[in-house]
């Protein structure tokens, strides 16, 4: 069993609940996570996605950190190609100054997923290829070693120790290894692939001032309930939203599981929906404990970052409480 557990909340919107409520739900979930003993709580960056309210992760992280006291708070992640590295450094410098010793800087290499979003952000798909260069610049703003812009300093960030994490698959894992940074990799449905990426990262890892040893965080959906069926129903809203996005091109707010189970689906929708439900870690406490032990053995993960979203907030909170109990938090 992976003993260090954390949460990444994507601030998913729910049918009948506006986006501002999703952000307030995220802050409330962070309070609960702290009470349950989770190690860290991260928020994400998505732009122009109807089903996701979290578009400004450093702003939301500030609200989360202000509402909690002990739990580490960060981003999973800031999509570095969307931003100037100096501005990212400044934002995290402010966060670390306000909440010293609690801030994590999780960084990803994605850009907006449509041409319209990329144009609105002033970016294009090629910017993702500059991630390693941008990461080096960002770290240089923090430790004062950047020389591209003489006499310019990222205040109050310069000189602060803010842990950086790379959210990655494939090539991104190599970037994390070369930078000597921790790796965050998912998802748990592809456990064999996650294991291969983690193994390659450890092999290529170069010790740095930011990390003497490789550190692997595996991420994915986990649902725990009193019965297998109840756990599966936690997964239903997100699975349908994913199927809907792939068949109709838009990612909708989450709907109640009972509504989705009553829907008439086309064969294509049914295949996509069942595929989106498959292979997640879910079930009773005993079953999930066994599955997570298998994940730990196969991946050697140092930490588990849980990314579960669902319509029923009561069921979600119960799932997180049961998971905490499994891990002995």
C-alpha atoms as a PDB file:
ATOM      1  CA  UNK A   1       0.000   0.000   0.000  1.00  0.00           C
ATOM      2  CA  UNK A   2       1.239   3.499  -0.833  1.00  0.00           C
ATOM      3  CA  UNK A   3       1.211   5.288   2.514  1.00  0.00           C
ATOM      4  CA  UNK A   4       1.565   8.874   1.301  1.00  0.00           C
ATOM      5  CA  UNK A   5      -1.746  10.001  -0.234  1.00  0.00           C
ATOM      6  CA  UNK A   6      -2.618  13.301  -1.875  1.00  0.00           C
ATOM      7  CA  UNK A   7      -5.509  14.798  -3.846  1.00  0.00           C
ATOM      8  CA  UNK A   8      -5.724  16.649  -7.143  1.00  0.00           C
ATOM      9  CA  UNK A   9      -9.115  18.319  -7.539  1.00  0.00           C
ATOM     10  CA  UNK A  10     -10.092  19.615 -10.991  1.00  0.00           C
ATOM     11  CA  UNK A  11     -12.989  21.776  -9.769  1.00  0.00           C
ATOM     12  CA  UNK A  12     -15.464  19.866 -11.947  1.00  0.00           C
ATOM     13  CA  UNK A  13     -18.782  21.598 -12.438  1.00  0.00           C
ATOM     14  CA  UNK A  14     -22.024  19.749 -11.779  1.00  0.00           C
ATOM     15  CA  UNK A  15     -25.371  20.038 -13.494  1.00  0.00           C
ATOM     16  CA  UNK A  16     -27.486  22.531 -11.560  1.00  0.00           C
ATOM     17  CA  UNK A  17     -24.465  23.899  -9.693  1.00  0.00           C
ATOM     18  CA  UNK A  18     -22.676  26.904 -11.281  1.00  0.00           C
ATOM     19  CA  UNK A  19     -18.935  27.148 -11.706  1.00  0.00           C
ATOM     20  CA  UNK A  20     -18.433  29.380  -8.627  1.00  0.00           C
ATOM     21  CA  UNK A  21     -19.887  26.556  -6.517  1.00  0.00           C
ATOM     22  CA  UNK A  22     -17.318  24.152  -7.972  1.00  0.00           C
ATOM     23  CA  UNK A  23     -14.516  26.416  -6.776  1.00  0.00           C
ATOM     24  CA  UNK A  24     -16.044  26.679  -3.310  1.00  0.00           C
ATOM     25  CA  UNK A  25     -16.430  22.894  -3.276  1.00  0.00           C
ATOM     26  CA  UNK A  26     -12.714  22.577  -4.026  1.00  0.00           C
ATOM     27  CA  UNK A  27     -11.795  24.749  -1.050  1.00  0.00           C
ATOM     28  CA  UNK A  28     -14.146  22.794   1.206  1.00  0.00           C
ATOM     29  CA  UNK A  29     -12.703  19.493  -0.022  1.00  0.00           C
ATOM     30  CA  UNK A  30      -9.226  20.739   0.864  1.00  0.00           C
ATOM     31  CA  UNK A  31     -10.357  21.347   4.447  1.00  0.00           C
ATOM     32  CA  UNK A  32     -11.691  17.801   4.611  1.00  0.00           C
ATOM     33  CA  UNK A  33      -8.506  16.390   3.084  1.00  0.00           C
ATOM     34  CA  UNK A  34      -6.464  18.097   5.778  1.00  0.00           C
ATOM     35  CA  UNK A  35      -8.693  16.688   8.520  1.00  0.00           C
ATOM     36  CA  UNK A  36      -8.338  13.192   7.033  1.00  0.00           C
ATOM     37  CA  UNK A  37      -4.541  13.397   6.987  1.00  0.00           C
ATOM     38  CA  UNK A  38      -3.814  13.703   3.267  1.00  0.00           C
ATOM     39  CA  UNK A  39      -0.304  14.912   2.456  1.00  0.00           C
ATOM     40  CA  UNK A  40      -0.988  17.533  -0.223  1.00  0.00           C
ATOM     41  CA  UNK A  41      -3.866  19.098  -2.133  1.00  0.00           C
ATOM     42  CA  UNK A  42      -3.392  20.310  -5.706  1.00  0.00           C
ATOM     43  CA  UNK A  43      -5.568  22.188  -8.181  1.00  0.00           C
ATOM     44  CA  UNK A  44      -5.434  22.220 -11.987  1.00  0.00           C
ATOM     45  CA  UNK A  45      -5.420  24.558 -14.988  1.00  0.00           C
ATOM     46  CA  UNK A  46      -8.017  24.281 -17.760  1.00  0.00           C
ATOM     47  CA  UNK A  47      -9.165  26.998 -20.145  1.00  0.00           C
ATOM     48  CA  UNK A  48     -12.572  27.335 -21.806  1.00  0.00           C
ATOM     49  CA  UNK A  49     -13.745  23.877 -20.710  1.00  0.00           C
ATOM     50  CA  UNK A  50     -17.479  23.948 -19.846  1.00  0.00           C
ATOM     51  CA  UNK A  51     -17.123  21.206 -17.243  1.00  0.00           C
ATOM     52  CA  UNK A  52     -14.139  22.644 -15.362  1.00  0.00           C
ATOM     53  CA  UNK A  53     -14.089  25.838 -13.284  1.00  0.00           C
ATOM     54  CA  UNK A  54     -10.385  25.855 -12.407  1.00  0.00           C
ATOM     55  CA  UNK A  55      -8.710  28.195 -14.878  1.00  0.00           C
ATOM     56  CA  UNK A  56      -6.341  30.080 -12.533  1.00  0.00           C
ATOM     57  CA  UNK A  57      -4.545  27.508 -10.367  1.00  0.00           C
ATOM     58  CA  UNK A  58      -2.266  29.853  -8.424  1.00  0.00           C
ATOM     59  CA  UNK A  59      -5.244  32.008  -7.448  1.00  0.00           C
ATOM     60  CA  UNK A  60      -7.224  28.957  -6.363  1.00  0.00           C
ATOM     61  CA  UNK A  61      -4.197  27.551  -4.524  1.00  0.00           C
ATOM     62  CA  UNK A  62      -4.051  30.771  -2.513  1.00  0.00           C
ATOM     63  CA  UNK A  63      -7.684  30.314  -1.473  1.00  0.00           C
ATOM     64  CA  UNK A  64      -7.006  26.685  -0.520  1.00  0.00           C
ATOM     65  CA  UNK A  65      -3.905  27.540   1.467  1.00  0.00           C
ATOM     66  CA  UNK A  66      -5.761  30.335   3.257  1.00  0.00           C
ATOM     67  CA  UNK A  67      -8.522  27.932   4.284  1.00  0.00           C
ATOM     68  CA  UNK A  68      -6.158  25.235   5.623  1.00  0.00           C
ATOM     69  CA  UNK A  69      -3.276  25.078   8.086  1.00  0.00           C
ATOM     70  CA  UNK A  70      -1.052  22.015   7.612  1.00  0.00           C
ATOM     71  CA  UNK A  71      -1.638  20.308   4.289  1.00  0.00           C
ATOM     72  CA  UNK A  72       0.727  21.101   1.424  1.00  0.00           C
ATOM     73  CA  UNK A  73      -0.933  23.070  -1.382  1.00  0.00           C
ATOM     74  CA  UNK A  74       0.012  23.345  -5.017  1.00  0.00           C
ATOM     75  CA  UNK A  75      -0.788  22.950  -8.670  1.00  0.00           C
ATOM     76  CA  UNK A  76      -1.289  19.875 -10.764  1.00  0.00           C
ATOM     77  CA  UNK A  77      -0.371  21.794 -12.646  1.00  0.00           C
ATOM     78  CA  UNK A  78       0.420  25.184 -14.057  1.00  0.00           C
ATOM     79  CA  UNK A  79       0.781  24.594 -17.802  1.00  0.00           C
ATOM     80  CA  UNK A  80       4.098  26.328 -18.314  1.00  0.00           C
ATOM     81  CA  UNK A  81       3.803  26.785 -22.117  1.00  0.00           C
ATOM     82  CA  UNK A  82       0.794  29.049 -21.467  1.00  0.00           C
ATOM     83  CA  UNK A  83       2.813  31.504 -19.359  1.00  0.00           C
ATOM     84  CA  UNK A  84       5.996  33.505 -19.098  1.00  0.00           C
ATOM     85  CA  UNK A  85       8.340  31.707 -16.670  1.00  0.00           C
ATOM     86  CA  UNK A  86       9.132  34.902 -14.772  1.00  0.00           C
ATOM     87  CA  UNK A  87       5.439  35.501 -14.039  1.00  0.00           C
ATOM     88  CA  UNK A  88       5.034  31.906 -12.827  1.00  0.00           C
ATOM     89  CA  UNK A  89       8.048  32.366 -10.551  1.00  0.00           C
ATOM     90  CA  UNK A  90       6.578  35.579  -9.148  1.00  0.00           C
ATOM     91  CA  UNK A  91       3.199  33.962  -8.485  1.00  0.00           C
ATOM     92  CA  UNK A  92       4.735  31.047  -6.601  1.00  0.00           C
ATOM     93  CA  UNK A  93       7.031  33.443  -4.771  1.00  0.00           C
ATOM     94  CA  UNK A  94       3.978  35.264  -3.450  1.00  0.00           C
ATOM     95  CA  UNK A  95       2.326  31.978  -2.459  1.00  0.00           C
ATOM     96  CA  UNK A  96       5.424  30.707  -0.649  1.00  0.00           C
ATOM     97  CA  UNK A  97       5.865  34.048   1.095  1.00  0.00           C
ATOM     98  CA  UNK A  98       2.286  33.971   2.374  1.00  0.00           C
ATOM     99  CA  UNK A  99       2.249  30.256   3.256  1.00  0.00           C
ATOM    100  CA  UNK A 100       5.894  29.331   3.949  1.00  0.00           C
ATOM    101  CA  UNK A 101       6.861  25.692   3.739  1.00  0.00           C
ATOM    102  CA  UNK A 102       3.519  24.529   2.308  1.00  0.00           C
ATOM    103  CA  UNK A 103       3.614  25.363  -1.404  1.00  0.00           C
ATOM    104  CA  UNK A 104       4.302  22.936  -4.281  1.00  0.00           C
ATOM    105  CA  UNK A 105       4.905  23.998  -7.876  1.00  0.00           C
ATOM    106  CA  UNK A 106       3.514  21.284 -10.151  1.00  0.00           C
ATOM    107  CA  UNK A 107       4.229  22.049 -13.816  1.00  0.00           C
ATOM    108  CA  UNK A 108       2.820  20.586 -17.031  1.00  0.00           C
ATOM    109  CA  UNK A 109       3.650  20.999 -20.709  1.00  0.00           C
ATOM    110  CA  UNK A 110       0.168  21.089 -22.285  1.00  0.00           C
ATOM    111  CA  UNK A 111      -1.255  23.988 -24.273  1.00  0.00           C
ATOM    112  CA  UNK A 112      -4.905  24.797 -24.949  1.00  0.00           C
ATOM    113  CA  UNK A 113      -6.684  21.845 -26.534  1.00  0.00           C
ATOM    114  CA  UNK A 114      -8.351  23.794 -29.357  1.00  0.00           C
ATOM    115  CA  UNK A 115      -6.998  26.297 -31.846  1.00  0.00           C
ATOM    116  CA  UNK A 116      -9.315  28.981 -30.519  1.00  0.00           C
ATOM    117  CA  UNK A 117      -8.040  28.607 -26.962  1.00  0.00           C
ATOM    118  CA  UNK A 118      -4.436  28.616 -28.110  1.00  0.00           C
ATOM    119  CA  UNK A 119      -4.981  31.792 -30.119  1.00  0.00           C
ATOM    120  CA  UNK A 120      -6.699  33.448 -27.149  1.00  0.00           C
ATOM    121  CA  UNK A 121      -3.691  32.550 -24.980  1.00  0.00           C
ATOM    122  CA  UNK A 122      -1.246  33.687 -27.651  1.00  0.00           C
ATOM    123  CA  UNK A 123       0.240  30.208 -27.964  1.00  0.00           C
ATOM    124  CA  UNK A 124       0.423  27.361 -30.464  1.00  0.00           C
ATOM    125  CA  UNK A 125       1.123  23.633 -30.341  1.00  0.00           C
ATOM    126  CA  UNK A 126       4.836  24.198 -30.882  1.00  0.00           C
ATOM    127  CA  UNK A 127       5.134  25.933 -27.527  1.00  0.00           C
ATOM    128  CA  UNK A 128       4.837  22.574 -25.748  1.00  0.00           C
ATOM    129  CA  UNK A 129       8.169  21.651 -27.319  1.00  0.00           C
ATOM    130  CA  UNK A 130       9.835  24.491 -25.416  1.00  0.00           C
ATOM    131  CA  UNK A 131       8.858  23.127 -22.017  1.00  0.00           C
ATOM    132  CA  UNK A 132      12.348  21.994 -21.011  1.00  0.00           C
ATOM    133  CA  UNK A 133      13.797  25.378 -21.950  1.00  0.00           C
ATOM    134  CA  UNK A 134      11.043  27.174 -20.046  1.00  0.00           C
ATOM    135  CA  UNK A 135      11.506  24.924 -17.025  1.00  0.00           C
ATOM    136  CA  UNK A 136      15.212  25.758 -16.900  1.00  0.00           C
ATOM    137  CA  UNK A 137      14.409  29.459 -17.110  1.00  0.00           C
ATOM    138  CA  UNK A 138      11.778  29.191 -14.372  1.00  0.00           C
ATOM    139  CA  UNK A 139      14.137  27.395 -12.002  1.00  0.00           C
ATOM    140  CA  UNK A 140      16.745  30.040 -12.772  1.00  0.00           C
ATOM    141  CA  UNK A 141      14.348  32.795 -11.698  1.00  0.00           C
ATOM    142  CA  UNK A 142      13.940  30.995  -8.375  1.00  0.00           C
ATOM    143  CA  UNK A 143      17.591  30.350  -7.589  1.00  0.00           C
ATOM    144  CA  UNK A 144      18.935  33.561  -9.159  1.00  0.00           C
ATOM    145  CA  UNK A 145      20.993  31.850 -11.869  1.00  0.00           C
ATOM    146  CA  UNK A 146      19.110  33.067 -14.954  1.00  0.00           C
ATOM    147  CA  UNK A 147      21.248  35.322 -17.154  1.00  0.00           C
ATOM    148  CA  UNK A 148      18.972  35.843 -20.149  1.00  0.00           C
ATOM    149  CA  UNK A 149      17.589  39.041 -18.630  1.00  0.00           C
ATOM    150  CA  UNK A 150      20.427  40.806 -16.775  1.00  0.00           C
ATOM    151  CA  UNK A 151      19.486  42.912 -13.761  1.00  0.00           C
ATOM    152  CA  UNK A 152      15.947  41.491 -13.772  1.00  0.00           C
ATOM    153  CA  UNK A 153      14.805  39.557 -10.718  1.00  0.00           C
ATOM    154  CA  UNK A 154      11.622  37.608  -9.935  1.00  0.00           C
ATOM    155  CA  UNK A 155      10.654  39.056  -6.595  1.00  0.00           C
ATOM    156  CA  UNK A 156       9.751  37.792  -4.035  1.00  0.00           C
ATOM    157  CA  UNK A 157      10.539  34.362  -5.510  1.00  0.00           C
ATOM    158  CA  UNK A 158      14.304  34.609  -5.884  1.00  0.00           C
ATOM    159  CA  UNK A 159      16.056  32.661  -3.147  1.00  0.00           C
ATOM    160  CA  UNK A 160      12.960  30.831  -1.926  1.00  0.00           C
ATOM    161  CA  UNK A 161      12.927  27.033  -1.938  1.00  0.00           C
ATOM    162  CA  UNK A 162       9.724  26.021  -3.697  1.00  0.00           C
ATOM    163  CA  UNK A 163       9.553  22.303  -4.570  1.00  0.00           C
ATOM    164  CA  UNK A 164       8.942  21.744  -8.293  1.00  0.00           C
ATOM    165  CA  UNK A 165       7.259  18.680  -9.802  1.00  0.00           C
ATOM    166  CA  UNK A 166       6.938  17.713 -13.457  1.00  0.00           C
ATOM    167  CA  UNK A 167       3.598  16.317 -14.661  1.00  0.00           C
ATOM    168  CA  UNK A 168       4.601  14.104 -17.500  1.00  0.00           C
ATOM    169  CA  UNK A 169       4.105  11.187 -19.807  1.00  0.00           C
ATOM    170  CA  UNK A 170       6.655   9.904 -22.277  1.00  0.00           C
ATOM    171  CA  UNK A 171       9.129  12.643 -23.167  1.00  0.00           C
ATOM    172  CA  UNK A 172       8.202  14.733 -20.157  1.00  0.00           C
ATOM    173  CA  UNK A 173       9.494  12.014 -17.832  1.00  0.00           C
ATOM    174  CA  UNK A 174      12.943  12.427 -19.383  1.00  0.00           C
ATOM    175  CA  UNK A 175      12.760  16.161 -18.757  1.00  0.00           C
ATOM    176  CA  UNK A 176      11.995  15.526 -15.082  1.00  0.00           C
ATOM    177  CA  UNK A 177      14.898  13.081 -14.853  1.00  0.00           C
ATOM    178  CA  UNK A 178      17.389  15.443 -16.489  1.00  0.00           C
ATOM    179  CA  UNK A 179      16.284  18.293 -14.212  1.00  0.00           C
ATOM    180  CA  UNK A 180      16.545  16.140 -11.095  1.00  0.00           C
ATOM    181  CA  UNK A 181      12.897  16.794 -10.221  1.00  0.00           C
ATOM    182  CA  UNK A 182      10.084  14.574  -8.922  1.00  0.00           C
ATOM    183  CA  UNK A 183       7.823  13.003 -11.545  1.00  0.00           C
ATOM    184  CA  UNK A 184       4.020  12.892 -11.490  1.00  0.00           C
ATOM    185  CA  UNK A 185       2.656  10.289 -13.907  1.00  0.00           C
ATOM    186  CA  UNK A 186      -0.765   8.745 -14.622  1.00  0.00           C
ATOM    187  CA  UNK A 187      -3.147   7.258 -15.093  1.00  0.00           C
ATOM    188  CA  UNK A 188      -3.676   4.107 -13.071  1.00  0.00           C
ATOM    189  CA  UNK A 189      -5.788   2.439 -15.763  1.00  0.00           C
ATOM    190  CA  UNK A 190      -2.566   1.935 -17.735  1.00  0.00           C
ATOM    191  CA  UNK A 191      -0.506   0.533 -14.910  1.00  0.00           C
ATOM    192  CA  UNK A 192       1.951  -1.248 -17.187  1.00  0.00           C
ATOM    193  CA  UNK A 193       2.717   1.958 -19.064  1.00  0.00           C
ATOM    194  CA  UNK A 194       3.019   3.941 -15.820  1.00  0.00           C
ATOM    195  CA  UNK A 195       5.483   1.341 -14.553  1.00  0.00           C
ATOM    196  CA  UNK A 196       7.600   1.621 -17.717  1.00  0.00           C
ATOM    197  CA  UNK A 197       7.687   5.422 -17.523  1.00  0.00           C
ATOM    198  CA  UNK A 198       8.627   5.337 -13.834  1.00  0.00           C
ATOM    199  CA  UNK A 199      11.384   2.792 -14.505  1.00  0.00           C
ATOM    200  CA  UNK A 200      12.858   4.879 -17.335  1.00  0.00           C
ATOM    201  CA  UNK A 201      12.699   8.016 -15.197  1.00  0.00           C
ATOM    202  CA  UNK A 202      14.594   6.363 -12.345  1.00  0.00           C
ATOM    203  CA  UNK A 203      17.236   5.051 -14.733  1.00  0.00           C
ATOM    204  CA  UNK A 204      17.812   8.482 -16.301  1.00  0.00           C
ATOM    205  CA  UNK A 205      17.516  10.536 -13.108  1.00  0.00           C
ATOM    206  CA  UNK A 206      20.339  13.018 -12.477  1.00  0.00           C
ATOM    207  CA  UNK A 207      20.707  14.175  -8.865  1.00  0.00           C
ATOM    208  CA  UNK A 208      20.351  17.917  -8.452  1.00  0.00           C
ATOM    209  CA  UNK A 209      20.151  20.572  -5.779  1.00  0.00           C
ATOM    210  CA  UNK A 210      16.390  20.019  -5.904  1.00  0.00           C
ATOM    211  CA  UNK A 211      16.477  16.252  -5.530  1.00  0.00           C
ATOM    212  CA  UNK A 212      19.162  13.739  -4.600  1.00  0.00           C
ATOM    213  CA  UNK A 213      16.930  10.751  -5.382  1.00  0.00           C
ATOM    214  CA  UNK A 214      14.140  10.074  -7.891  1.00  0.00           C
ATOM    215  CA  UNK A 215      10.620  10.523  -6.563  1.00  0.00           C
ATOM    216  CA  UNK A 216       7.559   9.133  -8.326  1.00  0.00           C
ATOM    217  CA  UNK A 217       3.978  10.235  -7.754  1.00  0.00           C
ATOM    218  CA  UNK A 218       1.394   8.108  -9.576  1.00  0.00           C
ATOM    219  CA  UNK A 219      -2.002   9.662 -10.225  1.00  0.00           C
ATOM    220  CA  UNK A 220      -5.410   8.315 -11.060  1.00  0.00           C
ATOM    221  CA  UNK A 221      -9.021   7.805 -10.097  1.00  0.00           C
ATOM    222  CA  UNK A 222      -9.797   5.798  -6.955  1.00  0.00           C
ATOM    223  CA  UNK A 223     -13.331   5.155  -5.673  1.00  0.00           C
ATOM    224  CA  UNK A 224     -14.096   3.366  -2.396  1.00  0.00           C
ATOM    225  CA  UNK A 225     -17.533   2.516  -1.027  1.00  0.00           C
ATOM    226  CA  UNK A 226     -19.384  -0.051   1.056  1.00  0.00           C
ATOM    227  CA  UNK A 227     -20.126  -2.155  -2.044  1.00  0.00           C
ATOM    228  CA  UNK A 228     -18.639  -2.676  -5.494  1.00  0.00           C
ATOM    229  CA  UNK A 229     -21.752  -1.229  -7.116  1.00  0.00           C
ATOM    230  CA  UNK A 230     -21.683   1.928  -5.020  1.00  0.00           C
ATOM    231  CA  UNK A 231     -18.023   2.452  -5.853  1.00  0.00           C
ATOM    232  CA  UNK A 232     -18.725   1.970  -9.553  1.00  0.00           C
ATOM    233  CA  UNK A 233     -21.512   4.558  -9.442  1.00  0.00           C
ATOM    234  CA  UNK A 234     -19.021   7.137  -8.176  1.00  0.00           C
ATOM    235  CA  UNK A 235     -17.212   6.692 -11.501  1.00  0.00           C
ATOM    236  CA  UNK A 236     -20.307   6.992 -13.707  1.00  0.00           C
ATOM    237  CA  UNK A 237     -20.642  10.808 -14.042  1.00  0.00           C
ATOM    238  CA  UNK A 238     -17.036  11.373 -15.103  1.00  0.00           C
ATOM    239  CA  UNK A 239     -17.100   8.370 -17.433  1.00  0.00           C
ATOM    240  CA  UNK A 240     -20.180   9.725 -19.192  1.00  0.00           C
ATOM    241  CA  UNK A 241     -18.686  13.221 -19.471  1.00  0.00           C
ATOM    242  CA  UNK A 242     -15.594  11.742 -21.119  1.00  0.00           C
ATOM    243  CA  UNK A 243     -17.691   9.621 -23.498  1.00  0.00           C
ATOM    244  CA  UNK A 244     -19.825  12.659 -24.340  1.00  0.00           C
ATOM    245  CA  UNK A 245     -16.736  14.747 -25.121  1.00  0.00           C
ATOM    246  CA  UNK A 246     -15.376  12.097 -27.468  1.00  0.00           C
ATOM    247  CA  UNK A 247     -18.639  11.558 -29.303  1.00  0.00           C
ATOM    248  CA  UNK A 248     -19.956  15.142 -29.383  1.00  0.00           C
ATOM    249  CA  UNK A 249     -16.907  17.327 -28.966  1.00  0.00           C
ATOM    250  CA  UNK A 250     -17.791  19.078 -25.696  1.00  0.00           C
ATOM    251  CA  UNK A 251     -16.926  18.243 -22.099  1.00  0.00           C
ATOM    252  CA  UNK A 252     -20.107  18.764 -20.055  1.00  0.00           C
ATOM    253  CA  UNK A 253     -20.802  19.317 -16.357  1.00  0.00           C
ATOM    254  CA  UNK A 254     -21.254  16.161 -14.309  1.00  0.00           C
ATOM    255  CA  UNK A 255     -24.740  14.640 -14.151  1.00  0.00           C
ATOM    256  CA  UNK A 256     -26.208  12.378 -11.439  1.00  0.00           C
ATOM    257  CA  UNK A 257     -25.366   8.695 -11.906  1.00  0.00           C
ATOM    258  CA  UNK A 258     -29.011   7.628 -11.912  1.00  0.00           C
ATOM    259  CA  UNK A 259     -29.777   9.945 -14.843  1.00  0.00           C
ATOM    260  CA  UNK A 260     -26.877   8.579 -16.851  1.00  0.00           C
ATOM    261  CA  UNK A 261     -27.797   4.966 -16.146  1.00  0.00           C
ATOM    262  CA  UNK A 262     -31.289   5.670 -17.543  1.00  0.00           C
ATOM    263  CA  UNK A 263     -29.997   7.172 -20.805  1.00  0.00           C
ATOM    264  CA  UNK A 264     -30.495   5.578 -24.196  1.00  0.00           C
ATOM    265  CA  UNK A 265     -27.015   5.428 -25.719  1.00  0.00           C
ATOM    266  CA  UNK A 266     -25.927   4.791 -29.268  1.00  0.00           C
ATOM    267  CA  UNK A 267     -23.587   1.810 -29.720  1.00  0.00           C
ATOM    268  CA  UNK A 268     -20.667   4.215 -30.101  1.00  0.00           C
ATOM    269  CA  UNK A 269     -21.611   6.113 -26.949  1.00  0.00           C
ATOM    270  CA  UNK A 270     -22.033   2.864 -25.042  1.00  0.00           C
ATOM    271  CA  UNK A 271     -18.579   1.658 -26.100  1.00  0.00           C
ATOM    272  CA  UNK A 272     -16.972   4.952 -25.131  1.00  0.00           C
ATOM    273  CA  UNK A 273     -18.826   5.020 -21.827  1.00  0.00           C
ATOM    274  CA  UNK A 274     -17.921   1.456 -20.866  1.00  0.00           C
ATOM    275  CA  UNK A 275     -14.336   2.108 -21.907  1.00  0.00           C
ATOM    276  CA  UNK A 276     -14.198   5.188 -19.685  1.00  0.00           C
ATOM    277  CA  UNK A 277     -15.474   3.106 -16.746  1.00  0.00           C
ATOM    278  CA  UNK A 278     -12.994   0.275 -17.216  1.00  0.00           C
ATOM    279  CA  UNK A 279      -9.873  -0.464 -15.177  1.00  0.00           C
ATOM    280  CA  UNK A 280     -10.128   2.271 -12.550  1.00  0.00           C
ATOM    281  CA  UNK A 281      -9.174   1.363  -8.982  1.00  0.00           C
ATOM    282  CA  UNK A 282     -12.526   1.022  -7.258  1.00  0.00           C
ATOM    283  CA  UNK A 283     -14.455  -1.215  -4.899  1.00  0.00           C
ATOM    284  CA  UNK A 284     -14.738  -2.012  -1.210  1.00  0.00           C
ATOM    285  CA  UNK A 285     -11.955  -1.099   1.189  1.00  0.00           C
ATOM    286  CA  UNK A 286     -10.422  -4.586   1.087  1.00  0.00           C
ATOM    287  CA  UNK A 287     -10.506  -4.716  -2.711  1.00  0.00           C
ATOM    288  CA  UNK A 288      -9.033  -1.245  -3.152  1.00  0.00           C
ATOM    289  CA  UNK A 289      -6.303  -1.983  -0.603  1.00  0.00           C
ATOM    290  CA  UNK A 290      -5.315  -5.056  -2.614  1.00  0.00           C
ATOM    291  CA  UNK A 291      -5.312  -3.113  -5.898  1.00  0.00           C
ATOM    292  CA  UNK A 292      -3.215  -0.305  -4.473  1.00  0.00           C
ATOM    293  CA  UNK A 293      -0.742  -2.809  -3.071  1.00  0.00           C
ATOM    294  CA  UNK A 294      -0.393  -4.123  -6.617  1.00  0.00           C
ATOM    295  CA  UNK A 295       0.126  -0.572  -7.904  1.00  0.00           C
ATOM    296  CA  UNK A 296       2.823   0.026  -5.288  1.00  0.00           C
ATOM    297  CA  UNK A 297       4.601  -3.195  -6.208  1.00  0.00           C
ATOM    298  CA  UNK A 298       4.467  -2.598  -9.970  1.00  0.00           C
ATOM    299  CA  UNK A 299       5.372   1.102  -9.986  1.00  0.00           C
ATOM    300  CA  UNK A 300       7.449   1.561  -6.841  1.00  0.00           C
ATOM    301  CA  UNK A 301       5.505   4.775  -6.332  1.00  0.00           C
ATOM    302  CA  UNK A 302       6.460   7.035  -3.455  1.00  0.00           C
ATOM    303  CA  UNK A 303       3.068   8.743  -3.422  1.00  0.00           C
ATOM    304  CA  UNK A 304      -0.469   8.392  -4.791  1.00  0.00           C
ATOM    305  CA  UNK A 305      -2.255  11.476  -6.170  1.00  0.00           C
ATOM    306  CA  UNK A 306      -5.996  10.767  -6.330  1.00  0.00           C
ATOM    307  CA  UNK A 307      -7.978  12.585  -9.049  1.00  0.00           C
ATOM    308  CA  UNK A 308     -11.550  11.368  -8.496  1.00  0.00           C
ATOM    309  CA  UNK A 309     -14.511  13.542  -9.562  1.00  0.00           C
ATOM    310  CA  UNK A 310     -18.217  12.744  -9.277  1.00  0.00           C
ATOM    311  CA  UNK A 311     -21.625  14.401  -8.982  1.00  0.00           C
ATOM    312  CA  UNK A 312     -22.484  13.091  -5.500  1.00  0.00           C
ATOM    313  CA  UNK A 313     -20.307  15.049  -3.091  1.00  0.00           C
ATOM    314  CA  UNK A 314     -21.381  12.947  -0.102  1.00  0.00           C
ATOM    315  CA  UNK A 315     -20.222   9.783  -1.868  1.00  0.00           C
ATOM    316  CA  UNK A 316     -16.975  11.483  -2.865  1.00  0.00           C
ATOM    317  CA  UNK A 317     -16.167  12.582   0.677  1.00  0.00           C
ATOM    318  CA  UNK A 318     -17.006   9.113   1.993  1.00  0.00           C
ATOM    319  CA  UNK A 319     -14.678   7.597  -0.614  1.00  0.00           C
ATOM    320  CA  UNK A 320     -11.813   9.827   0.474  1.00  0.00           C
ATOM    321  CA  UNK A 321     -12.469   8.982   4.130  1.00  0.00           C
ATOM    322  CA  UNK A 322     -12.432   5.255   3.399  1.00  0.00           C
ATOM    323  CA  UNK A 323      -9.229   5.610   1.365  1.00  0.00           C
ATOM    324  CA  UNK A 324      -7.583   7.477   4.234  1.00  0.00           C
ATOM    325  CA  UNK A 325      -8.597   4.662   6.559  1.00  0.00           C
ATOM    326  CA  UNK A 326      -7.108   2.050   4.215  1.00  0.00           C
ATOM    327  CA  UNK A 327      -3.790   3.892   4.224  1.00  0.00           C
ATOM    328  CA  UNK A 328      -3.826   4.436   7.977  1.00  0.00           C
ATOM    329  CA  UNK A 329      -3.669   8.223   7.716  1.00  0.00           C
END
